[in-house]
Structures are given as C-alpha cells and as structure tokens.
C-alpha cells in the first residue's frame, strides 16, 4: 500500500473540475477548487473505509490543454 495517492485534475466541459485517481477507481468532481478538494478527501475516505490503510498524502496533478495559433 502506497502512502500517497495521485489524482489527475482536469477542467470539466461544463465548468468546474474533475478528478480521477491514478491506479484506483476513484472519480469525483467539484464546481470550485475548494469543493473539489473536499470531494476528493471524502471520496478517498469512502474508498478506503476501514478495510485498508488510507494514504497519508493526496496529490492533485492539474492537467491543462492549451491551444496556440501560429
């Protein structure tokens, strides 16, 4: 069990943010970064419950597409 879990965070198509844990079936979303952080913490707590140790560190990796015209 790793002591860290990494979420890939992208901007949602309709606004807000989407987060997916790498290597785990955890997905969540939030309208603001503050709400996203709370939802990620809650999703991790629900996923790991008492059956396995919860990671000590939650890392958010922000992914952003940028289009540049020539």
PDB file of N, CA and C in Angstrom:
ATOM      1  N   UNK A   1       0.833  -1.186   0.000  1.00  0.00           N
ATOM      2  CA  UNK A   1       0.000   0.000   0.000  1.00  0.00           C
ATOM      3  C   UNK A   1       0.869   1.238   0.000  1.00  0.00           C
ATOM      4  N   UNK A   2       0.625   2.111  -0.916  1.00  0.00           N
ATOM      5  CA  UNK A   2       1.368   3.356  -1.015  1.00  0.00           C
ATOM      6  C   UNK A   2       0.841   4.346   0.009  1.00  0.00           C
ATOM      7  N   UNK A   3       1.717   5.211   0.502  1.00  0.00           N
ATOM      8  CA  UNK A   3       1.285   6.232   1.449  1.00  0.00           C
ATOM      9  C   UNK A   3       0.823   7.491   0.728  1.00  0.00           C
ATOM     10  N   UNK A   4       0.755   7.429  -0.618  1.00  0.00           N
ATOM     11  CA  UNK A   4       0.348   8.585  -1.408  1.00  0.00           C
ATOM     12  C   UNK A   4      -0.609   8.131  -2.513  1.00  0.00           C
ATOM     13  N   UNK A   5      -1.581   8.980  -2.805  1.00  0.00           N
ATOM     14  CA  UNK A   5      -2.488   8.738  -3.919  1.00  0.00           C
ATOM     15  C   UNK A   5      -2.493  10.000  -4.785  1.00  0.00           C
ATOM     16  N   UNK A   6      -2.463   9.800  -6.097  1.00  0.00           N
ATOM     17  CA  UNK A   6      -2.383  10.929  -7.033  1.00  0.00           C
ATOM     18  C   UNK A   6      -3.670  11.009  -7.845  1.00  0.00           C
ATOM     19  N   UNK A   7      -4.239  12.203  -7.890  1.00  0.00           N
ATOM     20  CA  UNK A   7      -5.417  12.471  -8.705  1.00  0.00           C
ATOM     21  C   UNK A   7      -5.027  13.344  -9.881  1.00  0.00           C
ATOM     22  N   UNK A   8      -5.488  12.983 -11.057  1.00  0.00           N
ATOM     23  CA  UNK A   8      -5.348  13.824 -12.244  1.00  0.00           C
ATOM     24  C   UNK A   8      -6.570  14.723 -12.296  1.00  0.00           C
ATOM     25  N   UNK A   9      -6.347  16.041 -12.310  1.00  0.00           N
ATOM     26  CA  UNK A   9      -7.438  17.014 -12.278  1.00  0.00           C
ATOM     27  C   UNK A   9      -7.504  17.733 -13.620  1.00  0.00           C
ATOM     28  N   UNK A  10      -8.698  17.761 -14.202  1.00  0.00           N
ATOM     29  CA  UNK A  10      -8.926  18.479 -15.454  1.00  0.00           C
ATOM     30  C   UNK A  10     -10.120  19.408 -15.269  1.00  0.00           C
ATOM     31  N   UNK A  11     -10.219  20.392 -16.149  1.00  0.00           N
ATOM     32  CA  UNK A  11     -11.385  21.267 -16.126  1.00  0.00           C
ATOM     33  C   UNK A  11     -12.535  20.536 -16.793  1.00  0.00           C
ATOM     34  N   UNK A  12     -13.717  20.610 -16.189  1.00  0.00           N
ATOM     35  CA  UNK A  12     -14.902  19.956 -16.739  1.00  0.00           C
ATOM     36  C   UNK A  12     -15.394  20.672 -17.985  1.00  0.00           C
ATOM     37  N   UNK A  13     -16.040  19.949 -18.865  1.00  0.00           N
ATOM     38  CA  UNK A  13     -16.555  20.536 -20.106  1.00  0.00           C
ATOM     39  C   UNK A  13     -17.604  21.606 -19.836  1.00  0.00           C
ATOM     40  N   UNK A  14     -18.369  21.427 -18.776  1.00  0.00           N
ATOM     41  CA  UNK A  14     -19.418  22.381 -18.443  1.00  0.00           C
ATOM     42  C   UNK A  14     -19.030  23.273 -17.272  1.00  0.00           C
ATOM     43  N   UNK A  15     -17.740  23.388 -17.008  1.00  0.00           N
ATOM     44  CA  UNK A  15     -17.249  24.166 -15.884  1.00  0.00           C
ATOM     45  C   UNK A  15     -16.882  23.263 -14.723  1.00  0.00           C
ATOM     46  N   UNK A  16     -16.246  23.825 -13.736  1.00  0.00           N
ATOM     47  CA  UNK A  16     -15.830  23.049 -12.586  1.00  0.00           C
ATOM     48  C   UNK A  16     -14.610  22.198 -12.891  1.00  0.00           C
ATOM     49  N   UNK A  17     -14.374  21.212 -12.046  1.00  0.00           N
ATOM     50  CA  UNK A  17     -13.192  20.368 -12.147  1.00  0.00           C
ATOM     51  C   UNK A  17     -13.562  18.904 -11.951  1.00  0.00           C
ATOM     52  N   UNK A  18     -12.822  18.016 -12.608  1.00  0.00           N
ATOM     53  CA  UNK A  18     -12.987  16.572 -12.482  1.00  0.00           C
ATOM     54  C   UNK A  18     -11.664  15.985 -12.000  1.00  0.00           C
ATOM     55  N   UNK A  19     -11.735  15.007 -11.102  1.00  0.00           N
ATOM     56  CA  UNK A  19     -10.527  14.382 -10.572  1.00  0.00           C
ATOM     57  C   UNK A  19     -10.657  12.864 -10.643  1.00  0.00           C
ATOM     58  N   UNK A  20      -9.597  12.210 -11.112  1.00  0.00           N
ATOM     59  CA  UNK A  20      -9.549  10.744 -11.205  1.00  0.00           C
ATOM     60  C   UNK A  20      -8.261  10.261 -10.572  1.00  0.00           C
ATOM     61  N   UNK A  21      -8.377   9.293  -9.674  1.00  0.00           N
ATOM     62  CA  UNK A  21      -7.203   8.737  -9.008  1.00  0.00           C
ATOM     63  C   UNK A  21      -6.475   7.794  -9.959  1.00  0.00           C
ATOM     64  N   UNK A  22      -5.176   7.935 -10.049  1.00  0.00           N
ATOM     65  CA  UNK A  22      -4.367   7.060 -10.903  1.00  0.00           C
ATOM     66  C   UNK A  22      -4.187   5.716 -10.206  1.00  0.00           C
ATOM     67  N   UNK A  23      -4.627   4.651 -10.859  1.00  0.00           N
ATOM     68  CA  UNK A  23      -4.469   3.307 -10.312  1.00  0.00           C
ATOM     69  C   UNK A  23      -5.594   2.862  -9.395  1.00  0.00           C
ATOM     70  N   UNK A  24      -6.596   3.706  -9.202  1.00  0.00           N
ATOM     71  CA  UNK A  24      -7.740   3.375  -8.349  1.00  0.00           C
ATOM     72  C   UNK A  24      -9.021   3.771  -9.078  1.00  0.00           C
ATOM     73  N   UNK A  25     -10.113   3.173  -8.723  1.00  0.00           N
ATOM     74  CA  UNK A  25     -11.399   3.502  -9.325  1.00  0.00           C
ATOM     75  C   UNK A  25     -12.103   4.618  -8.569  1.00  0.00           C
ATOM     76  N   UNK A  26     -11.406   5.724  -8.375  1.00  0.00           N
ATOM     77  CA  UNK A  26     -11.979   6.854  -7.637  1.00  0.00           C
ATOM     78  C   UNK A  26     -12.095   8.035  -8.591  1.00  0.00           C
ATOM     79  N   UNK A  27     -13.312   8.539  -8.754  1.00  0.00           N
ATOM     80  CA  UNK A  27     -13.574   9.699  -9.604  1.00  0.00           C
ATOM     81  C   UNK A  27     -14.520  10.623  -8.858  1.00  0.00           C
ATOM     82  N   UNK A  28     -14.292  11.921  -8.966  1.00  0.00           N
ATOM     83  CA  UNK A  28     -15.178  12.890  -8.330  1.00  0.00           C
ATOM     84  C   UNK A  28     -15.080  14.215  -9.063  1.00  0.00           C
ATOM     85  N   UNK A  29     -15.907  15.165  -8.662  1.00  0.00           N
ATOM     86  CA  UNK A  29     -15.885  16.482  -9.298  1.00  0.00           C
ATOM     87  C   UNK A  29     -16.347  17.536  -8.307  1.00  0.00           C
ATOM     88  N   UNK A  30     -16.041  18.791  -8.634  1.00  0.00           N
ATOM     89  CA  UNK A  30     -16.465  19.913  -7.813  1.00  0.00           C
ATOM     90  C   UNK A  30     -16.540  21.169  -8.652  1.00  0.00           C
ATOM     91  N   UNK A  31     -17.427  22.068  -8.273  1.00  0.00           N
ATOM     92  CA  UNK A  31     -17.604  23.299  -9.048  1.00  0.00           C
ATOM     93  C   UNK A  31     -16.459  24.286  -8.853  1.00  0.00           C
ATOM     94  N   UNK A  32     -15.818  24.262  -7.692  1.00  0.00           N
ATOM     95  CA  UNK A  32     -14.672  25.132  -7.406  1.00  0.00           C
ATOM     96  C   UNK A  32     -13.530  24.258  -6.907  1.00  0.00           C
ATOM     97  N   UNK A  33     -12.335  24.831  -6.845  1.00  0.00           N
ATOM     98  CA  UNK A  33     -11.193  24.061  -6.327  1.00  0.00           C
ATOM     99  C   UNK A  33     -11.406  23.680  -4.873  1.00  0.00           C
ATOM    100  N   UNK A  34     -12.006  24.569  -4.106  1.00  0.00           N
ATOM    101  CA  UNK A  34     -12.276  24.284  -2.707  1.00  0.00           C
ATOM    102  C   UNK A  34     -13.236  23.102  -2.561  1.00  0.00           C
ATOM    103  N   UNK A  35     -14.299  23.098  -3.351  1.00  0.00           N
ATOM    104  CA  UNK A  35     -15.256  21.990  -3.319  1.00  0.00           C
ATOM    105  C   UNK A  35     -14.631  20.710  -3.843  1.00  0.00           C
ATOM    106  N   UNK A  36     -13.779  20.822  -4.864  1.00  0.00           N
ATOM    107  CA  UNK A  36     -13.105  19.640  -5.396  1.00  0.00           C
ATOM    108  C   UNK A  36     -12.224  18.997  -4.324  1.00  0.00           C
ATOM    109  N   UNK A  37     -11.469  19.809  -3.607  1.00  0.00           N
ATOM    110  CA  UNK A  37     -10.595  19.266  -2.548  1.00  0.00           C
ATOM    111  C   UNK A  37     -11.413  18.514  -1.504  1.00  0.00           C
ATOM    112  N   UNK A  38     -12.542  19.087  -1.100  1.00  0.00           N
ATOM    113  CA  UNK A  38     -13.401  18.424  -0.118  1.00  0.00           C
ATOM    114  C   UNK A  38     -13.951  17.117  -0.678  1.00  0.00           C
ATOM    115  N   UNK A  39     -14.355  17.122  -1.943  1.00  0.00           N
ATOM    116  CA  UNK A  39     -14.903  15.913  -2.564  1.00  0.00           C
ATOM    117  C   UNK A  39     -13.836  14.827  -2.715  1.00  0.00           C
ATOM    118  N   UNK A  40     -12.611  15.219  -3.038  1.00  0.00           N
ATOM    119  CA  UNK A  40     -11.518  14.252  -3.149  1.00  0.00           C
ATOM    120  C   UNK A  40     -11.255  13.598  -1.794  1.00  0.00           C
ATOM    121  N   UNK A  41     -11.182  14.402  -0.743  1.00  0.00           N
ATOM    122  CA  UNK A  41     -10.960  13.838   0.599  1.00  0.00           C
ATOM    123  C   UNK A  41     -12.074  12.855   0.966  1.00  0.00           C
ATOM    124  N   UNK A  42     -13.314  13.236   0.691  1.00  0.00           N
ATOM    125  CA  UNK A  42     -14.452  12.381   1.003  1.00  0.00           C
ATOM    126  C   UNK A  42     -14.411  11.089   0.184  1.00  0.00           C
ATOM    127  N   UNK A  43     -14.078  11.197  -1.096  1.00  0.00           N
ATOM    128  CA  UNK A  43     -14.012  10.012  -1.964  1.00  0.00           C
ATOM    129  C   UNK A  43     -12.929   9.042  -1.508  1.00  0.00           C
ATOM    130  N   UNK A  44     -11.784   9.576  -1.097  1.00  0.00           N
ATOM    131  CA  UNK A  44     -10.697   8.715  -0.605  1.00  0.00           C
ATOM    132  C   UNK A  44     -11.129   8.016   0.682  1.00  0.00           C
ATOM    133  N   UNK A  45     -11.760   8.756   1.586  1.00  0.00           N
ATOM    134  CA  UNK A  45     -12.216   8.163   2.849  1.00  0.00           C
ATOM    135  C   UNK A  45     -13.238   7.056   2.588  1.00  0.00           C
ATOM    136  N   UNK A  46     -14.151   7.272   1.655  1.00  0.00           N
ATOM    137  CA  UNK A  46     -15.163   6.251   1.331  1.00  0.00           C
ATOM    138  C   UNK A  46     -14.547   5.027   0.665  1.00  0.00           C
ATOM    139  N   UNK A  47     -13.599   5.257  -0.225  1.00  0.00           N
ATOM    140  CA  UNK A  47     -12.982   4.155  -0.973  1.00  0.00           C
ATOM    141  C   UNK A  47     -12.181   3.243  -0.047  1.00  0.00           C
ATOM    142  N   UNK A  48     -11.407   3.826   0.856  1.00  0.00           N
ATOM    143  CA  UNK A  48     -10.530   3.023   1.698  1.00  0.00           C
ATOM    144  C   UNK A  48     -11.202   2.578   2.996  1.00  0.00           C
ATOM    145  N   UNK A  49     -12.298   3.156   3.396  1.00  0.00           N
ATOM    146  CA  UNK A  49     -13.023   2.880   4.646  1.00  0.00           C
ATOM    147  C   UNK A  49     -12.112   2.264   5.706  1.00  0.00           C
ATOM    148  N   UNK A  50     -12.545   1.263   6.417  1.00  0.00           N
ATOM    149  CA  UNK A  50     -11.711   0.672   7.482  1.00  0.00           C
ATOM    150  C   UNK A  50     -11.017  -0.605   7.055  1.00  0.00           C
ATOM    151  N   UNK A  51     -11.249  -1.053   5.820  1.00  0.00           N
ATOM    152  CA  UNK A  51     -10.705  -2.336   5.390  1.00  0.00           C
ATOM    153  C   UNK A  51      -9.233  -2.268   4.975  1.00  0.00           C
ATOM    154  N   UNK A  52      -8.747  -1.085   4.658  1.00  0.00           N
ATOM    155  CA  UNK A  52      -7.341  -0.933   4.265  1.00  0.00           C
ATOM    156  C   UNK A  52      -6.829   0.440   4.698  1.00  0.00           C
ATOM    157  N   UNK A  53      -5.525   0.563   4.872  1.00  0.00           N
ATOM    158  CA  UNK A  53      -4.965   1.849   5.320  1.00  0.00           C
ATOM    159  C   UNK A  53      -5.192   2.956   4.282  1.00  0.00           C
ATOM    160  N   UNK A  54      -5.563   4.126   4.755  1.00  0.00           N
ATOM    161  CA  UNK A  54      -5.781   5.290   3.893  1.00  0.00           C
ATOM    162  C   UNK A  54      -4.441   5.959   3.591  1.00  0.00           C
ATOM    163  N   UNK A  55      -4.193   6.357   2.346  1.00  0.00           N
ATOM    164  CA  UNK A  55      -2.946   7.067   2.025  1.00  0.00           C
ATOM    165  C   UNK A  55      -2.821   8.338   2.870  1.00  0.00           C
ATOM    166  N   UNK A  56      -1.615   8.631   3.290  1.00  0.00           N
ATOM    167  CA  UNK A  56      -1.356   9.810   4.126  1.00  0.00           C
ATOM    168  C   UNK A  56      -1.306  11.093   3.303  1.00  0.00           C
ATOM    169  N   UNK A  57      -0.955  10.979   2.020  1.00  0.00           N
ATOM    170  CA  UNK A  57      -0.809  12.152   1.156  1.00  0.00           C
ATOM    171  C   UNK A  57      -1.738  11.996  -0.050  1.00  0.00           C
ATOM    172  N   UNK A  58      -2.489  13.066  -0.326  1.00  0.00           N
ATOM    173  CA  UNK A  58      -3.313  13.130  -1.534  1.00  0.00           C
ATOM    174  C   UNK A  58      -2.716  14.220  -2.412  1.00  0.00           C
ATOM    175  N   UNK A  59      -2.258  13.834  -3.593  1.00  0.00           N
ATOM    176  CA  UNK A  59      -1.629  14.787  -4.507  1.00  0.00           C
ATOM    177  C   UNK A  59      -2.577  15.061  -5.673  1.00  0.00           C
ATOM    178  N   UNK A  60      -2.779  16.341  -5.974  1.00  0.00           N
ATOM    179  CA  UNK A  60      -3.594  16.742  -7.114  1.00  0.00           C
ATOM    180  C   UNK A  60      -2.670  17.195  -8.234  1.00  0.00           C
ATOM    181  N   UNK A  61      -2.750  16.520  -9.368  1.00  0.00           N
ATOM    182  CA  UNK A  61      -1.931  16.852 -10.538  1.00  0.00           C
ATOM    183  C   UNK A  61      -2.849  17.503 -11.567  1.00  0.00           C
ATOM    184  N   UNK A  62      -2.657  18.802 -11.794  1.00  0.00           N
ATOM    185  CA  UNK A  62      -3.525  19.554 -12.699  1.00  0.00           C
ATOM    186  C   UNK A  62      -3.040  19.410 -14.139  1.00  0.00           C
ATOM    187  N   UNK A  63      -3.954  19.007 -15.019  1.00  0.00           N
ATOM    188  CA  UNK A  63      -3.665  18.823 -16.437  1.00  0.00           C
ATOM    189  C   UNK A  63      -4.477  19.851 -17.202  1.00  0.00           C
ATOM    190  N   UNK A  64      -3.811  20.570 -18.078  1.00  0.00           N
ATOM    191  CA  UNK A  64      -4.495  21.625 -18.818  1.00  0.00           C
ATOM    192  C   UNK A  64      -4.081  21.575 -20.271  1.00  0.00           C
ATOM    193  N   UNK A  65      -5.051  21.652 -21.162  1.00  0.00           N
ATOM    194  CA  UNK A  65      -4.776  21.734 -22.587  1.00  0.00           C
ATOM    195  C   UNK A  65      -4.661  23.206 -22.970  1.00  0.00           C
ATOM    196  N   UNK A  66      -3.689  23.488 -23.810  1.00  0.00           N
ATOM    197  CA  UNK A  66      -3.530  24.863 -24.293  1.00  0.00           C
ATOM    198  C   UNK A  66      -3.378  24.810 -25.799  1.00  0.00           C
ATOM    199  N   UNK A  67      -4.192  25.596 -26.491  1.00  0.00           N
ATOM    200  CA  UNK A  67      -4.142  25.640 -27.938  1.00  0.00           C
ATOM    201  C   UNK A  67      -3.497  26.950 -28.345  1.00  0.00           C
ATOM    202  N   UNK A  68      -2.515  26.861 -29.222  1.00  0.00           N
ATOM    203  CA  UNK A  68      -1.819  28.064 -29.680  1.00  0.00           C
ATOM    204  C   UNK A  68      -1.976  28.184 -31.195  1.00  0.00           C
ATOM    205  N   UNK A  69      -2.316  29.367 -31.646  1.00  0.00           N
ATOM    206  CA  UNK A  69      -2.402  29.606 -33.086  1.00  0.00           C
ATOM    207  C   UNK A  69      -1.024  30.004 -33.606  1.00  0.00           C
ATOM    208  N   UNK A  70      -0.752  29.678 -34.839  1.00  0.00           N
ATOM    209  CA  UNK A  70       0.555  30.062 -35.415  1.00  0.00           C
ATOM    210  C   UNK A  70       0.529  31.436 -35.945  1.00  0.00           C
TER     211      UNK A  70
END
